[in-house]
Amino acid sequence: METLPRAYPRSLLIFSLLYGGMVTLAGVLGAKQVAIGPLAVEAGIFPFLTLVAISSGISQLHGNATAQALARFGLIPLVTAIALTFFVLSLPTDPGMYEPAKDAFPIILGQSGRMMIAGICAYVVSLSLNLWIFARLAGAADGRLAGLRGFVAAALSQIVDTLVFITISFWGVRPIAGILVGQALAKVVLSAVLVPAIIWLVVKVGDRLDGTPGT
């Protein structure tokens, strides 16, 4: 099997592929609301927090500049998925398609253009903020405590993500104060549970894939 050039660490390639998948999956799963105890949140938060943690793990492994580049390149699958969704929705439906799916498909994937724009804006702002906070905390902690730094960065960035997305999506359409508080609280809780564990896994697997001495 042909080996990868040293300029492209194996972990960076593999986690970049996973990252791109999470970017597109977040939009699809976001069509479902899930209940976490008394809190409700869109299911897209699970792949989104995964990509947030992956980007923090990449920052820990390969530096903040590489992680920032990964976040910027993540716009490519995101915008492509949105464009293809609109294209497919515009095509005529096969009369022989399973009847319940005919109505369900446009409901699940047919988000408004306003929500699509909100998703892109929230992605850019929250991912950039997450990596900036993670890097600043790295300097204060001498690069240690990656899981704790990841949680703090994710929690703060997800509060801003919620503010951006909900405001752009629903301002003037429905009251947003209750939605903002509930969504932000749920995302902070999930950040505490998921992000440190995923960062730890990304760093451990990345070290093993790249053959880092001592792993």
N, C-alpha and C. Protein backbone atom coordinates (compact mmCIF):
# COMPACT_ATOMS: atom_id res chain seq x y z
N MET A 1 0.85 -1.20 0.00
CA MET A 1 0.00 0.00 0.00
C MET A 1 0.88 1.25 0.00
N GLU A 2 0.53 2.20 -0.85
CA GLU A 2 1.31 3.43 -0.93
C GLU A 2 1.14 4.24 0.35
N THR A 3 2.28 4.69 0.89
CA THR A 3 2.23 5.48 2.12
C THR A 3 2.01 6.94 1.82
N LEU A 4 1.41 7.66 2.76
CA LEU A 4 1.16 9.09 2.60
C LEU A 4 2.45 9.87 2.74
N PRO A 5 2.60 10.97 1.97
CA PRO A 5 3.76 11.82 2.17
C PRO A 5 3.78 12.35 3.59
N ARG A 6 4.97 12.60 4.12
CA ARG A 6 5.09 13.08 5.50
C ARG A 6 4.44 14.44 5.68
N ALA A 7 4.27 15.20 4.60
CA ALA A 7 3.65 16.52 4.72
C ALA A 7 2.17 16.42 5.07
N TYR A 8 1.59 15.24 4.92
CA TYR A 8 0.17 15.06 5.20
C TYR A 8 0.01 13.96 6.25
N PRO A 9 0.01 14.31 7.52
CA PRO A 9 -0.12 13.29 8.57
C PRO A 9 -1.40 12.48 8.37
N ARG A 10 -1.30 11.20 8.65
CA ARG A 10 -2.45 10.31 8.46
C ARG A 10 -3.64 10.76 9.30
N SER A 11 -3.38 11.21 10.52
CA SER A 11 -4.49 11.63 11.38
C SER A 11 -5.23 12.83 10.80
N LEU A 12 -4.50 13.75 10.17
CA LEU A 12 -5.12 14.93 9.60
C LEU A 12 -6.04 14.55 8.45
N LEU A 13 -5.59 13.61 7.61
CA LEU A 13 -6.42 13.16 6.49
C LEU A 13 -7.69 12.47 6.98
N ILE A 14 -7.54 11.53 7.91
CA ILE A 14 -8.69 10.76 8.37
C ILE A 14 -9.69 11.64 9.11
N PHE A 15 -9.20 12.49 10.00
CA PHE A 15 -10.12 13.33 10.76
C PHE A 15 -10.73 14.44 9.90
N SER A 16 -10.05 14.83 8.84
CA SER A 16 -10.65 15.80 7.92
C SER A 16 -11.83 15.18 7.19
N LEU A 17 -11.70 13.91 6.79
CA LEU A 17 -12.82 13.22 6.15
C LEU A 17 -14.00 13.09 7.11
N LEU A 18 -13.71 12.72 8.35
CA LEU A 18 -14.77 12.62 9.35
C LEU A 18 -15.41 13.97 9.60
N TYR A 19 -14.60 15.01 9.65
CA TYR A 19 -15.09 16.37 9.87
C TYR A 19 -16.07 16.78 8.78
N GLY A 20 -15.69 16.54 7.52
CA GLY A 20 -16.57 16.89 6.41
C GLY A 20 -17.90 16.16 6.47
N GLY A 21 -17.86 14.89 6.90
CA GLY A 21 -19.11 14.15 7.04
C GLY A 21 -20.00 14.72 8.13
N MET A 22 -19.40 15.13 9.25
CA MET A 22 -20.18 15.70 10.33
C MET A 22 -20.82 17.03 9.93
N VAL A 23 -20.11 17.82 9.10
CA VAL A 23 -20.65 19.10 8.64
C VAL A 23 -21.96 18.90 7.90
N THR A 24 -21.98 17.93 6.98
CA THR A 24 -23.19 17.71 6.18
C THR A 24 -24.26 16.98 6.98
N LEU A 25 -23.86 16.07 7.87
CA LEU A 25 -24.85 15.32 8.65
C LEU A 25 -25.58 16.21 9.64
N ALA A 26 -24.93 17.24 10.14
CA ALA A 26 -25.56 18.13 11.12
C ALA A 26 -26.82 18.77 10.56
N GLY A 27 -26.79 19.14 9.29
CA GLY A 27 -27.95 19.77 8.68
C GLY A 27 -29.13 18.81 8.55
N VAL A 28 -28.84 17.54 8.28
CA VAL A 28 -29.91 16.56 8.12
C VAL A 28 -30.53 16.21 9.47
N LEU A 29 -29.69 15.92 10.46
CA LEU A 29 -30.20 15.51 11.76
C LEU A 29 -30.87 16.67 12.50
N GLY A 30 -30.55 17.89 12.10
CA GLY A 30 -31.16 19.05 12.74
C GLY A 30 -32.66 19.13 12.55
N ALA A 31 -33.22 18.30 11.66
CA ALA A 31 -34.66 18.31 11.44
C ALA A 31 -35.42 17.67 12.59
N LYS A 32 -34.72 16.94 13.46
CA LYS A 32 -35.39 16.29 14.59
C LYS A 32 -35.04 16.99 15.89
N GLN A 33 -36.05 17.22 16.72
CA GLN A 33 -35.86 17.74 18.08
C GLN A 33 -35.81 16.55 19.04
N VAL A 34 -34.81 16.53 19.90
CA VAL A 34 -34.69 15.45 20.88
C VAL A 34 -34.84 16.03 22.29
N ALA A 35 -35.37 15.22 23.19
CA ALA A 35 -35.55 15.64 24.58
C ALA A 35 -34.43 15.05 25.43
N ILE A 36 -33.75 15.91 26.17
CA ILE A 36 -32.72 15.49 27.11
C ILE A 36 -33.19 15.92 28.50
N GLY A 37 -33.91 15.02 29.16
CA GLY A 37 -34.55 15.41 30.41
C GLY A 37 -35.57 16.50 30.13
N PRO A 38 -35.48 17.61 30.84
CA PRO A 38 -36.43 18.71 30.61
C PRO A 38 -36.01 19.62 29.45
N LEU A 39 -34.84 19.36 28.87
CA LEU A 39 -34.33 20.22 27.82
C LEU A 39 -34.63 19.63 26.45
N ALA A 40 -34.78 20.51 25.46
CA ALA A 40 -34.99 20.09 24.08
C ALA A 40 -33.94 20.75 23.20
N VAL A 41 -33.42 19.99 22.25
CA VAL A 41 -32.38 20.52 21.36
C VAL A 41 -32.48 19.78 20.03
N GLU A 42 -32.08 20.45 18.95
CA GLU A 42 -32.10 19.77 17.66
C GLU A 42 -30.98 18.74 17.62
N ALA A 43 -31.27 17.59 16.99
CA ALA A 43 -30.32 16.47 16.98
C ALA A 43 -29.05 16.79 16.22
N GLY A 44 -29.07 17.84 15.40
CA GLY A 44 -27.85 18.22 14.68
C GLY A 44 -26.73 18.64 15.59
N ILE A 45 -27.02 18.89 16.88
CA ILE A 45 -25.98 19.30 17.81
C ILE A 45 -24.97 18.18 18.03
N PHE A 46 -25.38 16.92 17.87
CA PHE A 46 -24.46 15.81 18.11
C PHE A 46 -23.33 15.78 17.07
N PRO A 47 -23.62 15.78 15.76
CA PRO A 47 -22.52 15.87 14.80
C PRO A 47 -21.80 17.22 14.87
N PHE A 48 -22.52 18.30 15.22
CA PHE A 48 -21.86 19.60 15.27
C PHE A 48 -20.85 19.65 16.41
N LEU A 49 -21.21 19.13 17.59
CA LEU A 49 -20.25 19.10 18.68
C LEU A 49 -19.10 18.14 18.38
N THR A 50 -19.39 17.11 17.60
CA THR A 50 -18.32 16.21 17.18
C THR A 50 -17.29 16.95 16.33
N LEU A 51 -17.76 17.76 15.37
CA LEU A 51 -16.80 18.48 14.54
C LEU A 51 -16.11 19.60 15.33
N VAL A 52 -16.81 20.19 16.30
CA VAL A 52 -16.16 21.17 17.18
C VAL A 52 -15.02 20.50 17.94
N ALA A 53 -15.28 19.32 18.49
CA ALA A 53 -14.24 18.60 19.24
C ALA A 53 -13.12 18.14 18.33
N ILE A 54 -13.45 17.70 17.12
CA ILE A 54 -12.41 17.29 16.17
C ILE A 54 -11.49 18.46 15.86
N SER A 55 -12.07 19.63 15.62
CA SER A 55 -11.24 20.79 15.31
C SER A 55 -10.32 21.15 16.48
N SER A 56 -10.83 21.02 17.71
CA SER A 56 -9.99 21.28 18.88
C SER A 56 -8.90 20.22 18.99
N GLY A 57 -9.24 18.96 18.71
CA GLY A 57 -8.24 17.90 18.72
C GLY A 57 -7.17 18.13 17.67
N ILE A 58 -7.57 18.58 16.48
CA ILE A 58 -6.60 18.89 15.43
C ILE A 58 -5.71 20.05 15.86
N SER A 59 -6.29 21.04 16.54
CA SER A 59 -5.49 22.15 17.06
C SER A 59 -4.44 21.64 18.04
N GLN A 60 -4.82 20.69 18.88
CA GLN A 60 -3.89 20.12 19.85
C GLN A 60 -2.80 19.32 19.16
N LEU A 61 -3.16 18.60 18.11
CA LEU A 61 -2.20 17.73 17.42
C LEU A 61 -1.32 18.49 16.44
N HIS A 62 -1.92 19.41 15.66
CA HIS A 62 -1.22 20.00 14.52
C HIS A 62 -1.18 21.53 14.53
N GLY A 63 -1.69 22.14 15.59
CA GLY A 63 -1.61 23.60 15.69
C GLY A 63 -2.90 24.29 15.30
N ASN A 64 -3.06 25.50 15.83
CA ASN A 64 -4.30 26.25 15.61
C ASN A 64 -4.48 26.65 14.16
N ALA A 65 -3.40 26.98 13.47
CA ALA A 65 -3.52 27.40 12.07
C ALA A 65 -4.10 26.28 11.21
N THR A 66 -3.67 25.06 11.46
CA THR A 66 -4.20 23.91 10.72
C THR A 66 -5.68 23.71 11.03
N ALA A 67 -6.05 23.83 12.31
CA ALA A 67 -7.44 23.67 12.70
C ALA A 67 -8.32 24.77 12.10
N GLN A 68 -7.81 25.99 12.06
CA GLN A 68 -8.56 27.09 11.44
C GLN A 68 -8.77 26.82 9.95
N ALA A 69 -7.75 26.30 9.29
CA ALA A 69 -7.88 25.97 7.87
C ALA A 69 -8.92 24.88 7.67
N LEU A 70 -8.93 23.88 8.56
CA LEU A 70 -9.93 22.82 8.48
C LEU A 70 -11.33 23.39 8.61
N ALA A 71 -11.52 24.31 9.54
CA ALA A 71 -12.83 24.93 9.73
C ALA A 71 -13.26 25.71 8.49
N ARG A 72 -12.32 26.43 7.88
CA ARG A 72 -12.65 27.19 6.66
C ARG A 72 -13.01 26.25 5.52
N PHE A 73 -12.22 25.20 5.34
CA PHE A 73 -12.50 24.25 4.27
C PHE A 73 -13.81 23.50 4.51
N GLY A 74 -14.24 23.44 5.78
CA GLY A 74 -15.51 22.80 6.09
C GLY A 74 -16.69 23.50 5.45
N LEU A 75 -16.50 24.76 5.06
CA LEU A 75 -17.56 25.47 4.35
C LEU A 75 -17.85 24.85 2.99
N ILE A 76 -16.86 24.17 2.41
CA ILE A 76 -17.05 23.59 1.07
C ILE A 76 -18.12 22.50 1.09
N PRO A 77 -18.00 21.46 1.95
CA PRO A 77 -19.09 20.47 1.98
C PRO A 77 -20.41 21.05 2.47
N LEU A 78 -20.34 22.04 3.36
CA LEU A 78 -21.58 22.64 3.88
C LEU A 78 -22.35 23.35 2.77
N VAL A 79 -21.68 24.22 2.04
CA VAL A 79 -22.35 24.97 0.97
C VAL A 79 -22.75 24.03 -0.17
N THR A 80 -21.90 23.06 -0.48
CA THR A 80 -22.22 22.10 -1.54
C THR A 80 -23.47 21.29 -1.18
N ALA A 81 -23.57 20.85 0.07
CA ALA A 81 -24.73 20.09 0.51
C ALA A 81 -26.00 20.92 0.42
N ILE A 82 -25.92 22.19 0.80
CA ILE A 82 -27.08 23.07 0.71
C ILE A 82 -27.51 23.26 -0.74
N ALA A 83 -26.54 23.50 -1.62
CA ALA A 83 -26.85 23.71 -3.03
C ALA A 83 -27.48 22.46 -3.64
N LEU A 84 -26.94 21.29 -3.33
CA LEU A 84 -27.49 20.04 -3.88
C LEU A 84 -28.88 19.76 -3.31
N THR A 85 -29.10 20.13 -2.05
CA THR A 85 -30.42 19.93 -1.46
C THR A 85 -31.47 20.75 -2.20
N PHE A 86 -31.17 22.03 -2.43
CA PHE A 86 -32.10 22.87 -3.17
C PHE A 86 -32.32 22.34 -4.58
N PHE A 87 -31.27 21.84 -5.21
CA PHE A 87 -31.38 21.30 -6.57
C PHE A 87 -32.29 20.08 -6.59
N VAL A 88 -32.07 19.14 -5.68
CA VAL A 88 -32.88 17.92 -5.64
C VAL A 88 -34.34 18.24 -5.33
N LEU A 89 -34.56 19.18 -4.41
CA LEU A 89 -35.93 19.55 -4.07
C LEU A 89 -36.66 20.19 -5.24
N SER A 90 -35.91 20.80 -6.14
CA SER A 90 -36.53 21.46 -7.29
C SER A 90 -36.90 20.48 -8.40
N LEU A 91 -36.37 19.27 -8.36
CA LEU A 91 -36.65 18.27 -9.39
C LEU A 91 -38.03 17.65 -9.16
N PRO A 92 -38.71 17.24 -10.23
CA PRO A 92 -40.02 16.59 -10.07
C PRO A 92 -39.89 15.26 -9.35
N THR A 93 -40.89 14.92 -8.56
CA THR A 93 -40.89 13.68 -7.78
C THR A 93 -41.39 12.52 -8.63
N ASP A 94 -40.71 11.39 -8.52
CA ASP A 94 -41.15 10.18 -9.20
C ASP A 94 -42.52 9.76 -8.67
N PRO A 95 -43.52 9.60 -9.54
CA PRO A 95 -44.85 9.20 -9.08
C PRO A 95 -44.85 7.88 -8.32
N GLY A 96 -43.88 7.02 -8.61
CA GLY A 96 -43.83 5.72 -7.95
C GLY A 96 -43.12 5.74 -6.61
N MET A 97 -42.68 6.88 -6.17
CA MET A 97 -41.97 6.97 -4.89
C MET A 97 -42.90 6.60 -3.74
N TYR A 98 -42.36 5.97 -2.71
CA TYR A 98 -43.13 5.57 -1.54
C TYR A 98 -43.91 6.78 -1.02
N GLU A 99 -45.24 6.61 -0.92
CA GLU A 99 -46.12 7.75 -0.65
C GLU A 99 -45.77 8.57 0.59
N PRO A 100 -45.57 7.94 1.78
CA PRO A 100 -45.24 8.75 2.96
C PRO A 100 -43.95 9.54 2.77
N ALA A 101 -43.01 8.99 1.99
CA ALA A 101 -41.73 9.67 1.79
C ALA A 101 -41.87 10.91 0.92
N LYS A 102 -42.89 10.93 0.05
CA LYS A 102 -43.09 12.09 -0.81
C LYS A 102 -43.30 13.37 0.00
N ASP A 103 -44.10 13.26 1.04
CA ASP A 103 -44.37 14.43 1.88
C ASP A 103 -43.28 14.65 2.91
N ALA A 104 -42.68 13.56 3.39
CA ALA A 104 -41.68 13.68 4.46
C ALA A 104 -40.38 14.28 3.97
N PHE A 105 -39.97 13.95 2.74
CA PHE A 105 -38.66 14.38 2.25
C PHE A 105 -38.52 15.91 2.22
N PRO A 106 -39.45 16.64 1.60
CA PRO A 106 -39.29 18.09 1.59
C PRO A 106 -39.44 18.72 2.98
N ILE A 107 -40.20 18.08 3.87
CA ILE A 107 -40.33 18.61 5.23
C ILE A 107 -39.01 18.48 5.97
N ILE A 108 -38.36 17.33 5.82
CA ILE A 108 -37.10 17.07 6.54
C ILE A 108 -35.96 17.91 5.98
N LEU A 109 -35.85 17.96 4.67
CA LEU A 109 -34.70 18.63 4.05
C LEU A 109 -34.99 20.04 3.56
N GLY A 110 -36.26 20.39 3.47
CA GLY A 110 -36.61 21.69 2.87
C GLY A 110 -36.60 22.84 3.86
N GLN A 111 -35.47 23.06 4.53
CA GLN A 111 -35.36 24.22 5.41
C GLN A 111 -35.44 25.50 4.58
N SER A 112 -35.90 26.56 5.22
CA SER A 112 -35.99 27.84 4.51
C SER A 112 -34.61 28.38 4.19
N GLY A 113 -34.55 29.23 3.18
CA GLY A 113 -33.29 29.88 2.84
C GLY A 113 -32.73 30.67 4.01
N ARG A 114 -33.63 31.24 4.80
CA ARG A 114 -33.20 32.01 5.97
C ARG A 114 -32.47 31.12 6.98
N MET A 115 -32.99 29.91 7.19
CA MET A 115 -32.34 28.98 8.11
C MET A 115 -31.03 28.47 7.55
N MET A 116 -30.95 28.30 6.24
CA MET A 116 -29.70 27.88 5.62
C MET A 116 -28.62 28.94 5.84
N ILE A 117 -28.97 30.20 5.62
CA ILE A 117 -28.03 31.29 5.84
C ILE A 117 -27.63 31.36 7.31
N ALA A 118 -28.61 31.16 8.19
CA ALA A 118 -28.33 31.17 9.62
C ALA A 118 -27.33 30.08 9.99
N GLY A 119 -27.48 28.91 9.39
CA GLY A 119 -26.57 27.82 9.66
C GLY A 119 -25.15 28.12 9.24
N ILE A 120 -25.00 28.73 8.07
CA ILE A 120 -23.66 29.08 7.59
C ILE A 120 -23.02 30.13 8.50
N CYS A 121 -23.79 31.15 8.86
CA CYS A 121 -23.27 32.22 9.73
C CYS A 121 -22.88 31.66 11.09
N ALA A 122 -23.74 30.82 11.66
CA ALA A 122 -23.45 30.25 12.97
C ALA A 122 -22.22 29.37 12.91
N TYR A 123 -22.07 28.61 11.83
CA TYR A 123 -20.89 27.75 11.66
C TYR A 123 -19.62 28.58 11.67
N VAL A 124 -19.57 29.62 10.85
CA VAL A 124 -18.37 30.43 10.73
C VAL A 124 -18.02 31.09 12.06
N VAL A 125 -19.00 31.70 12.69
CA VAL A 125 -18.75 32.44 13.93
C VAL A 125 -18.36 31.50 15.06
N SER A 126 -19.13 30.42 15.26
CA SER A 126 -18.90 29.57 16.43
C SER A 126 -17.61 28.76 16.30
N LEU A 127 -17.30 28.24 15.10
CA LEU A 127 -16.07 27.47 14.94
C LEU A 127 -14.85 28.36 15.10
N SER A 128 -14.88 29.56 14.54
CA SER A 128 -13.75 30.48 14.69
C SER A 128 -13.56 30.86 16.15
N LEU A 129 -14.66 31.14 16.84
CA LEU A 129 -14.59 31.50 18.25
C LEU A 129 -14.08 30.33 19.09
N ASN A 130 -14.58 29.14 18.81
CA ASN A 130 -14.14 27.95 19.55
C ASN A 130 -12.63 27.76 19.46
N LEU A 131 -12.10 27.84 18.26
CA LEU A 131 -10.67 27.62 18.08
C LEU A 131 -9.84 28.76 18.67
N TRP A 132 -10.35 29.97 18.61
CA TRP A 132 -9.64 31.10 19.20
C TRP A 132 -9.55 30.95 20.72
N ILE A 133 -10.67 30.59 21.35
CA ILE A 133 -10.66 30.40 22.81
C ILE A 133 -9.77 29.22 23.18
N PHE A 134 -9.87 28.13 22.44
CA PHE A 134 -9.07 26.94 22.72
C PHE A 134 -7.58 27.26 22.66
N ALA A 135 -7.17 28.03 21.65
CA ALA A 135 -5.77 28.40 21.51
C ALA A 135 -5.31 29.34 22.62
N ARG A 136 -6.16 30.31 22.98
CA ARG A 136 -5.79 31.23 24.04
C ARG A 136 -5.63 30.50 25.37
N LEU A 137 -6.53 29.57 25.65
CA LEU A 137 -6.43 28.79 26.88
C LEU A 137 -5.22 27.86 26.86
N ALA A 138 -4.84 27.42 25.66
CA ALA A 138 -3.65 26.57 25.54
C ALA A 138 -2.41 27.31 26.01
N GLY A 139 -2.33 28.59 25.65
CA GLY A 139 -1.19 29.39 26.09
C GLY A 139 -1.15 29.53 27.60
N ALA A 140 -2.32 29.70 28.20
CA ALA A 140 -2.39 29.86 29.65
C ALA A 140 -2.09 28.56 30.38
N ALA A 141 -2.42 27.43 29.76
CA ALA A 141 -2.24 26.13 30.41
C ALA A 141 -1.04 25.37 29.88
N ASP A 142 -0.18 26.05 29.11
CA ASP A 142 1.01 25.41 28.53
C ASP A 142 0.65 24.17 27.70
N GLY A 143 -0.49 24.24 27.00
CA GLY A 143 -0.89 23.16 26.13
C GLY A 143 -1.52 21.98 26.82
N ARG A 144 -1.67 22.04 28.13
CA ARG A 144 -2.25 20.91 28.87
C ARG A 144 -3.76 21.09 29.02
N LEU A 145 -4.38 20.09 29.66
CA LEU A 145 -5.81 20.14 29.97
C LEU A 145 -6.66 20.38 28.72
N ALA A 146 -6.36 19.62 27.68
CA ALA A 146 -7.07 19.83 26.40
C ALA A 146 -8.57 19.62 26.54
N GLY A 147 -8.98 18.62 27.32
CA GLY A 147 -10.40 18.36 27.48
C GLY A 147 -11.13 19.49 28.17
N LEU A 148 -10.53 20.03 29.23
CA LEU A 148 -11.15 21.14 29.94
C LEU A 148 -11.18 22.38 29.07
N ARG A 149 -10.09 22.65 28.37
CA ARG A 149 -10.07 23.80 27.46
C ARG A 149 -11.11 23.64 26.37
N GLY A 150 -11.25 22.40 25.89
CA GLY A 150 -12.23 22.15 24.84
C GLY A 150 -13.65 22.39 25.31
N PHE A 151 -13.95 21.97 26.54
CA PHE A 151 -15.29 22.20 27.08
C PHE A 151 -15.59 23.69 27.21
N VAL A 152 -14.65 24.44 27.79
CA VAL A 152 -14.88 25.88 27.98
C VAL A 152 -15.07 26.56 26.63
N ALA A 153 -14.21 26.23 25.66
CA ALA A 153 -14.32 26.84 24.34
C ALA A 153 -15.62 26.45 23.66
N ALA A 154 -16.00 25.18 23.76
CA ALA A 154 -17.23 24.71 23.12
C ALA A 154 -18.46 25.34 23.77
N ALA A 155 -18.47 25.39 25.10
CA ALA A 155 -19.63 25.94 25.79
C ALA A 155 -19.86 27.40 25.42
N LEU A 156 -18.79 28.19 25.45
CA LEU A 156 -18.92 29.61 25.12
C LEU A 156 -19.30 29.81 23.65
N SER A 157 -18.67 29.04 22.78
CA SER A 157 -18.95 29.19 21.35
C SER A 157 -20.36 28.71 21.01
N GLN A 158 -20.87 27.71 21.73
CA GLN A 158 -22.22 27.23 21.46
C GLN A 158 -23.29 28.21 21.93
N ILE A 159 -22.99 28.96 22.96
CA ILE A 159 -23.91 30.02 23.37
C ILE A 159 -24.02 31.06 22.26
N VAL A 160 -22.87 31.43 21.69
CA VAL A 160 -22.87 32.39 20.59
C VAL A 160 -23.51 31.79 19.35
N ASP A 161 -23.23 30.51 19.09
CA ASP A 161 -23.83 29.80 17.96
C ASP A 161 -25.35 29.86 18.04
N THR A 162 -25.89 29.59 19.23
CA THR A 162 -27.34 29.62 19.43
C THR A 162 -27.89 31.02 19.20
N LEU A 163 -27.20 32.01 19.72
CA LEU A 163 -27.64 33.39 19.56
C LEU A 163 -27.71 33.77 18.08
N VAL A 164 -26.67 33.41 17.33
CA VAL A 164 -26.61 33.76 15.91
C VAL A 164 -27.69 33.01 15.13
N PHE A 165 -27.76 31.69 15.33
CA PHE A 165 -28.69 30.88 14.54
C PHE A 165 -30.14 31.22 14.82
N ILE A 166 -30.51 31.27 16.09
CA ILE A 166 -31.91 31.52 16.44
C ILE A 166 -32.34 32.93 16.04
N THR A 167 -31.46 33.89 16.24
CA THR A 167 -31.80 35.27 15.89
C THR A 167 -32.04 35.42 14.39
N ILE A 168 -31.12 34.89 13.58
CA ILE A 168 -31.27 35.02 12.13
C ILE A 168 -32.48 34.22 11.64
N SER A 169 -32.70 33.05 12.22
CA SER A 169 -33.76 32.16 11.75
C SER A 169 -35.16 32.66 12.12
N PHE A 170 -35.31 33.18 13.35
CA PHE A 170 -36.67 33.38 13.87
C PHE A 170 -36.98 34.81 14.31
N TRP A 171 -36.02 35.74 14.19
CA TRP A 171 -36.30 37.12 14.60
C TRP A 171 -37.46 37.68 13.78
N GLY A 172 -38.47 38.19 14.47
CA GLY A 172 -39.63 38.74 13.79
C GLY A 172 -40.67 37.73 13.39
N VAL A 173 -40.35 36.44 13.57
CA VAL A 173 -41.27 35.38 13.20
C VAL A 173 -41.97 34.80 14.44
N ARG A 174 -41.20 34.62 15.51
CA ARG A 174 -41.73 34.06 16.75
C ARG A 174 -40.89 34.56 17.91
N PRO A 175 -41.39 34.51 19.14
CA PRO A 175 -40.59 34.91 20.30
C PRO A 175 -39.36 34.00 20.43
N ILE A 176 -38.20 34.59 20.67
CA ILE A 176 -36.97 33.79 20.65
C ILE A 176 -36.30 33.67 22.01
N ALA A 177 -36.72 34.44 23.01
CA ALA A 177 -36.02 34.42 24.30
C ALA A 177 -36.01 33.03 24.92
N GLY A 178 -37.17 32.39 24.97
CA GLY A 178 -37.26 31.06 25.55
C GLY A 178 -36.45 30.04 24.77
N ILE A 179 -36.49 30.14 23.45
CA ILE A 179 -35.73 29.22 22.61
C ILE A 179 -34.23 29.38 22.87
N LEU A 180 -33.78 30.65 22.95
CA LEU A 180 -32.36 30.91 23.17
C LEU A 180 -31.87 30.29 24.46
N VAL A 181 -32.60 30.51 25.54
CA VAL A 181 -32.17 30.01 26.84
C VAL A 181 -32.15 28.48 26.86
N GLY A 182 -33.22 27.86 26.38
CA GLY A 182 -33.30 26.40 26.39
C GLY A 182 -32.24 25.75 25.53
N GLN A 183 -32.06 26.26 24.31
CA GLN A 183 -31.07 25.69 23.40
C GLN A 183 -29.65 25.88 23.93
N ALA A 184 -29.35 27.07 24.43
CA ALA A 184 -28.01 27.35 24.94
C ALA A 184 -27.68 26.45 26.13
N LEU A 185 -28.64 26.29 27.03
CA LEU A 185 -28.41 25.45 28.21
C LEU A 185 -28.18 24.00 27.81
N ALA A 186 -28.99 23.51 26.88
CA ALA A 186 -28.83 22.12 26.42
C ALA A 186 -27.47 21.92 25.76
N LYS A 187 -27.03 22.89 24.97
CA LYS A 187 -25.74 22.75 24.29
C LYS A 187 -24.57 22.81 25.25
N VAL A 188 -24.67 23.61 26.29
CA VAL A 188 -23.61 23.66 27.30
C VAL A 188 -23.51 22.32 28.03
N VAL A 189 -24.66 21.76 28.39
CA VAL A 189 -24.66 20.45 29.06
C VAL A 189 -24.03 19.39 28.16
N LEU A 190 -24.43 19.35 26.90
CA LEU A 190 -23.87 18.36 25.98
C LEU A 190 -22.39 18.60 25.72
N SER A 191 -21.97 19.86 25.71
CA SER A 191 -20.55 20.17 25.55
C SER A 191 -19.74 19.58 26.69
N ALA A 192 -20.28 19.65 27.90
CA ALA A 192 -19.58 19.11 29.06
C ALA A 192 -19.45 17.59 28.97
N VAL A 193 -20.48 16.94 28.43
CA VAL A 193 -20.50 15.49 28.37
C VAL A 193 -19.67 14.94 27.20
N LEU A 194 -19.81 15.57 26.03
CA LEU A 194 -19.26 14.99 24.81
C LEU A 194 -17.87 15.51 24.43
N VAL A 195 -17.67 16.81 24.52
CA VAL A 195 -16.47 17.41 23.93
C VAL A 195 -15.17 16.93 24.55
N PRO A 196 -15.01 16.92 25.89
CA PRO A 196 -13.73 16.44 26.45
C PRO A 196 -13.41 15.00 26.04
N ALA A 197 -14.44 14.14 26.02
CA ALA A 197 -14.20 12.74 25.65
C ALA A 197 -13.77 12.61 24.20
N ILE A 198 -14.41 13.37 23.31
CA ILE A 198 -14.06 13.27 21.89
C ILE A 198 -12.68 13.84 21.64
N ILE A 199 -12.33 14.94 22.29
CA ILE A 199 -10.99 15.50 22.13
C ILE A 199 -9.94 14.50 22.58
N TRP A 200 -10.18 13.89 23.74
CA TRP A 200 -9.23 12.88 24.24
C TRP A 200 -9.06 11.76 23.22
N LEU A 201 -10.17 11.29 22.66
CA LEU A 201 -10.11 10.20 21.68
C LEU A 201 -9.38 10.64 20.42
N VAL A 202 -9.66 11.84 19.93
CA VAL A 202 -8.99 12.34 18.72
C VAL A 202 -7.49 12.43 18.93
N VAL A 203 -7.07 12.95 20.07
CA VAL A 203 -5.64 13.11 20.34
C VAL A 203 -4.96 11.74 20.47
N LYS A 204 -5.60 10.82 21.20
CA LYS A 204 -5.01 9.49 21.37
C LYS A 204 -4.91 8.74 20.05
N VAL A 205 -6.01 8.74 19.30
CA VAL A 205 -6.00 8.05 18.00
C VAL A 205 -5.05 8.75 17.04
N GLY A 206 -5.04 10.09 17.06
CA GLY A 206 -4.13 10.84 16.18
C GLY A 206 -2.69 10.54 16.46
N ASP A 207 -2.31 10.48 17.73
CA ASP A 207 -0.93 10.13 18.09
C ASP A 207 -0.58 8.75 17.58
N ARG A 208 -1.52 7.81 17.72
CA ARG A 208 -1.25 6.44 17.27
C ARG A 208 -1.14 6.38 15.75
N LEU A 209 -2.02 7.09 15.05
CA LEU A 209 -1.97 7.07 13.58
C LEU A 209 -0.69 7.69 13.04
N ASP A 210 -0.24 8.73 13.71
CA ASP A 210 0.96 9.43 13.24
C ASP A 210 2.25 8.83 13.78
N GLY A 211 2.11 7.80 14.62
CA GLY A 211 3.29 7.16 15.16
C GLY A 211 4.10 8.04 16.08
N THR A 212 3.40 8.87 16.87
CA THR A 212 4.10 9.76 17.79
C THR A 212 4.81 8.93 18.85
N PRO A 213 6.10 9.17 19.08
CA PRO A 213 6.85 8.39 20.08
C PRO A 213 6.19 8.49 21.45
N GLY A 214 6.15 7.37 22.14
CA GLY A 214 5.64 7.36 23.49
C GLY A 214 4.17 7.06 23.58
N THR A 215 3.47 6.85 22.43
CA THR A 215 2.04 6.54 22.47
C THR A 215 1.82 5.06 22.24
